[in-house]
Amino acid sequence: MSKTLGNKISTAMEARSILAQCKKLLGRNYKVAIRHGWQTGNYGSLVDVACELQQIRNNYGPAWLAR
């Protein structure tokens, strides 16, 4: 799913790209799935980008997902 798998996300543009990939995979409920992964560590079908999603949470905070 991600071309940056295992790499550090260094820009907001890269973070938005990961979120766009999640949206394409899961549809309009992608934020619910991401938030669930952040809260529980269970990323389900997003396991391929779990590292990147955790970096996004750590770098930008969970409130960033609401934007």
N, C-alpha and C. Protein backbone atom coordinates (compact mmCIF):
# COMPACT_ATOMS: atom_id res chain seq x y z
N MET A 1 0.82 -1.19 0.00
CA MET A 1 0.00 0.00 0.00
C MET A 1 0.86 1.25 0.00
N SER A 2 1.89 1.29 0.84
CA SER A 2 2.69 2.49 0.97
C SER A 2 4.05 2.33 0.33
N LYS A 3 4.45 3.36 -0.39
CA LYS A 3 5.79 3.35 -0.96
C LYS A 3 6.83 3.75 0.07
N THR A 4 6.39 4.35 1.18
CA THR A 4 7.30 4.80 2.21
C THR A 4 7.36 3.84 3.39
N LEU A 5 6.92 2.61 3.19
CA LEU A 5 6.87 1.63 4.27
C LEU A 5 8.21 1.54 4.98
N GLY A 6 8.19 1.74 6.26
CA GLY A 6 9.40 1.65 7.06
C GLY A 6 10.25 2.90 7.05
N ASN A 7 9.88 3.90 6.28
CA ASN A 7 10.63 5.14 6.23
C ASN A 7 9.98 6.19 7.11
N LYS A 8 10.78 7.12 7.55
CA LYS A 8 10.27 8.19 8.38
C LYS A 8 9.50 9.20 7.53
N ILE A 9 8.34 9.56 8.00
CA ILE A 9 7.53 10.58 7.34
C ILE A 9 8.04 11.93 7.81
N SER A 10 8.50 12.75 6.87
CA SER A 10 9.13 14.00 7.27
C SER A 10 8.32 15.24 6.92
N THR A 11 7.30 15.10 6.09
CA THR A 11 6.51 16.28 5.72
C THR A 11 5.02 16.00 5.87
N ALA A 12 4.27 17.08 6.01
CA ALA A 12 2.82 16.96 6.09
C ALA A 12 2.26 16.40 4.78
N MET A 13 2.92 16.70 3.66
CA MET A 13 2.46 16.18 2.37
C MET A 13 2.55 14.64 2.34
N GLU A 14 3.64 14.09 2.87
CA GLU A 14 3.77 12.64 2.94
C GLU A 14 2.70 12.04 3.85
N ALA A 15 2.42 12.71 4.96
CA ALA A 15 1.39 12.24 5.88
C ALA A 15 0.03 12.25 5.20
N ARG A 16 -0.26 13.32 4.47
CA ARG A 16 -1.55 13.39 3.75
C ARG A 16 -1.65 12.31 2.68
N SER A 17 -0.54 11.97 2.08
CA SER A 17 -0.52 10.90 1.08
C SER A 17 -0.88 9.56 1.71
N ILE A 18 -0.36 9.28 2.89
CA ILE A 18 -0.69 8.05 3.60
C ILE A 18 -2.18 8.04 3.95
N LEU A 19 -2.68 9.16 4.43
CA LEU A 19 -4.11 9.24 4.78
C LEU A 19 -4.98 9.07 3.53
N ALA A 20 -4.55 9.61 2.41
CA ALA A 20 -5.29 9.45 1.16
C ALA A 20 -5.34 7.98 0.73
N GLN A 21 -4.24 7.27 0.94
CA GLN A 21 -4.21 5.84 0.62
C GLN A 21 -5.20 5.08 1.51
N CYS A 22 -5.25 5.46 2.79
CA CYS A 22 -6.19 4.83 3.71
C CYS A 22 -7.63 5.11 3.29
N LYS A 23 -7.89 6.35 2.88
CA LYS A 23 -9.24 6.72 2.44
C LYS A 23 -9.63 5.93 1.20
N LYS A 24 -8.69 5.76 0.28
CA LYS A 24 -8.98 5.00 -0.94
C LYS A 24 -9.29 3.54 -0.61
N LEU A 25 -8.59 2.99 0.36
CA LEU A 25 -8.79 1.59 0.74
C LEU A 25 -10.09 1.38 1.52
N LEU A 26 -10.38 2.29 2.46
CA LEU A 26 -11.50 2.07 3.39
C LEU A 26 -12.74 2.91 3.11
N GLY A 27 -12.63 3.90 2.26
CA GLY A 27 -13.79 4.74 1.98
C GLY A 27 -13.99 5.81 3.04
N ARG A 28 -15.21 6.26 3.15
CA ARG A 28 -15.49 7.41 3.99
C ARG A 28 -15.30 7.19 5.49
N ASN A 29 -15.21 5.94 5.93
CA ASN A 29 -15.01 5.64 7.35
C ASN A 29 -13.55 5.42 7.71
N TYR A 30 -12.64 5.89 6.88
CA TYR A 30 -11.22 5.65 7.12
C TYR A 30 -10.73 6.29 8.41
N LYS A 31 -11.27 7.43 8.77
CA LYS A 31 -10.83 8.09 10.00
C LYS A 31 -11.18 7.28 11.24
N VAL A 32 -12.33 6.63 11.20
CA VAL A 32 -12.73 5.76 12.32
C VAL A 32 -11.73 4.62 12.48
N ALA A 33 -11.34 4.02 11.37
CA ALA A 33 -10.39 2.91 11.41
C ALA A 33 -9.02 3.37 11.90
N ILE A 34 -8.58 4.54 11.47
CA ILE A 34 -7.30 5.06 11.91
C ILE A 34 -7.33 5.38 13.40
N ARG A 35 -8.39 6.03 13.83
CA ARG A 35 -8.52 6.37 15.25
C ARG A 35 -8.54 5.11 16.11
N HIS A 36 -9.24 4.08 15.64
CA HIS A 36 -9.27 2.81 16.36
C HIS A 36 -7.85 2.22 16.47
N GLY A 37 -7.10 2.27 15.38
CA GLY A 37 -5.72 1.79 15.41
C GLY A 37 -4.87 2.57 16.38
N TRP A 38 -5.04 3.88 16.41
CA TRP A 38 -4.27 4.71 17.33
C TRP A 38 -4.61 4.41 18.78
N GLN A 39 -5.87 4.13 19.05
CA GLN A 39 -6.29 3.90 20.42
C GLN A 39 -5.96 2.49 20.92
N THR A 40 -5.98 1.51 20.02
CA THR A 40 -5.84 0.12 20.45
C THR A 40 -4.56 -0.55 19.97
N GLY A 41 -3.94 0.00 18.94
CA GLY A 41 -2.78 -0.66 18.34
C GLY A 41 -3.17 -1.73 17.35
N ASN A 42 -4.46 -1.95 17.15
CA ASN A 42 -4.96 -2.94 16.19
C ASN A 42 -5.36 -2.20 14.92
N TYR A 43 -4.52 -2.28 13.89
CA TYR A 43 -4.74 -1.53 12.67
C TYR A 43 -5.55 -2.29 11.63
N GLY A 44 -5.88 -3.53 11.89
CA GLY A 44 -6.71 -4.30 10.98
C GLY A 44 -6.18 -4.29 9.56
N SER A 45 -6.99 -3.86 8.61
CA SER A 45 -6.59 -3.86 7.20
C SER A 45 -5.55 -2.79 6.88
N LEU A 46 -5.23 -1.95 7.85
CA LEU A 46 -4.22 -0.90 7.65
C LEU A 46 -2.85 -1.32 8.19
N VAL A 47 -2.69 -2.58 8.48
CA VAL A 47 -1.44 -3.06 9.09
C VAL A 47 -0.22 -2.73 8.23
N ASP A 48 -0.38 -2.64 6.92
CA ASP A 48 0.74 -2.32 6.02
C ASP A 48 1.29 -0.91 6.23
N VAL A 49 0.48 -0.03 6.77
CA VAL A 49 0.93 1.34 7.01
C VAL A 49 0.85 1.71 8.49
N ALA A 50 0.83 0.72 9.35
CA ALA A 50 0.73 0.98 10.79
C ALA A 50 1.88 1.85 11.29
N CYS A 51 3.10 1.58 10.82
CA CYS A 51 4.25 2.39 11.25
C CYS A 51 4.08 3.85 10.86
N GLU A 52 3.64 4.06 9.63
CA GLU A 52 3.45 5.43 9.14
C GLU A 52 2.32 6.13 9.90
N LEU A 53 1.24 5.41 10.15
CA LEU A 53 0.13 6.01 10.89
C LEU A 53 0.54 6.37 12.31
N GLN A 54 1.35 5.54 12.94
CA GLN A 54 1.83 5.85 14.27
C GLN A 54 2.74 7.07 14.26
N GLN A 55 3.56 7.20 13.21
CA GLN A 55 4.41 8.38 13.07
C GLN A 55 3.57 9.64 12.92
N ILE A 56 2.50 9.54 12.14
CA ILE A 56 1.61 10.69 11.95
C ILE A 56 1.03 11.10 13.29
N ARG A 57 0.56 10.12 14.06
CA ARG A 57 -0.01 10.42 15.37
C ARG A 57 1.04 11.06 16.28
N ASN A 58 2.23 10.50 16.30
CA ASN A 58 3.29 11.02 17.17
C ASN A 58 3.75 12.41 16.75
N ASN A 59 3.84 12.66 15.45
CA ASN A 59 4.34 13.94 14.96
C ASN A 59 3.31 15.05 14.99
N TYR A 60 2.06 14.73 14.66
CA TYR A 60 1.04 15.76 14.49
C TYR A 60 -0.07 15.72 15.53
N GLY A 61 -0.17 14.62 16.26
CA GLY A 61 -1.22 14.47 17.27
C GLY A 61 -2.51 13.98 16.64
N PRO A 62 -3.35 13.35 17.46
CA PRO A 62 -4.60 12.79 16.93
C PRO A 62 -5.58 13.84 16.42
N ALA A 63 -5.49 15.07 16.92
CA ALA A 63 -6.40 16.13 16.46
C ALA A 63 -6.17 16.46 15.00
N TRP A 64 -4.98 16.18 14.47
CA TRP A 64 -4.65 16.47 13.08
C TRP A 64 -5.56 15.69 12.12
N LEU A 65 -6.04 14.54 12.56
CA LEU A 65 -6.90 13.71 11.71
C LEU A 65 -8.23 14.40 11.42
N ALA A 66 -8.67 15.26 12.29
CA ALA A 66 -9.96 15.95 12.12
C ALA A 66 -9.91 17.00 11.02
N ARG A 67 -8.73 17.43 10.61
CA ARG A 67 -8.61 18.48 9.59
C ARG A 67 -8.92 17.98 8.22
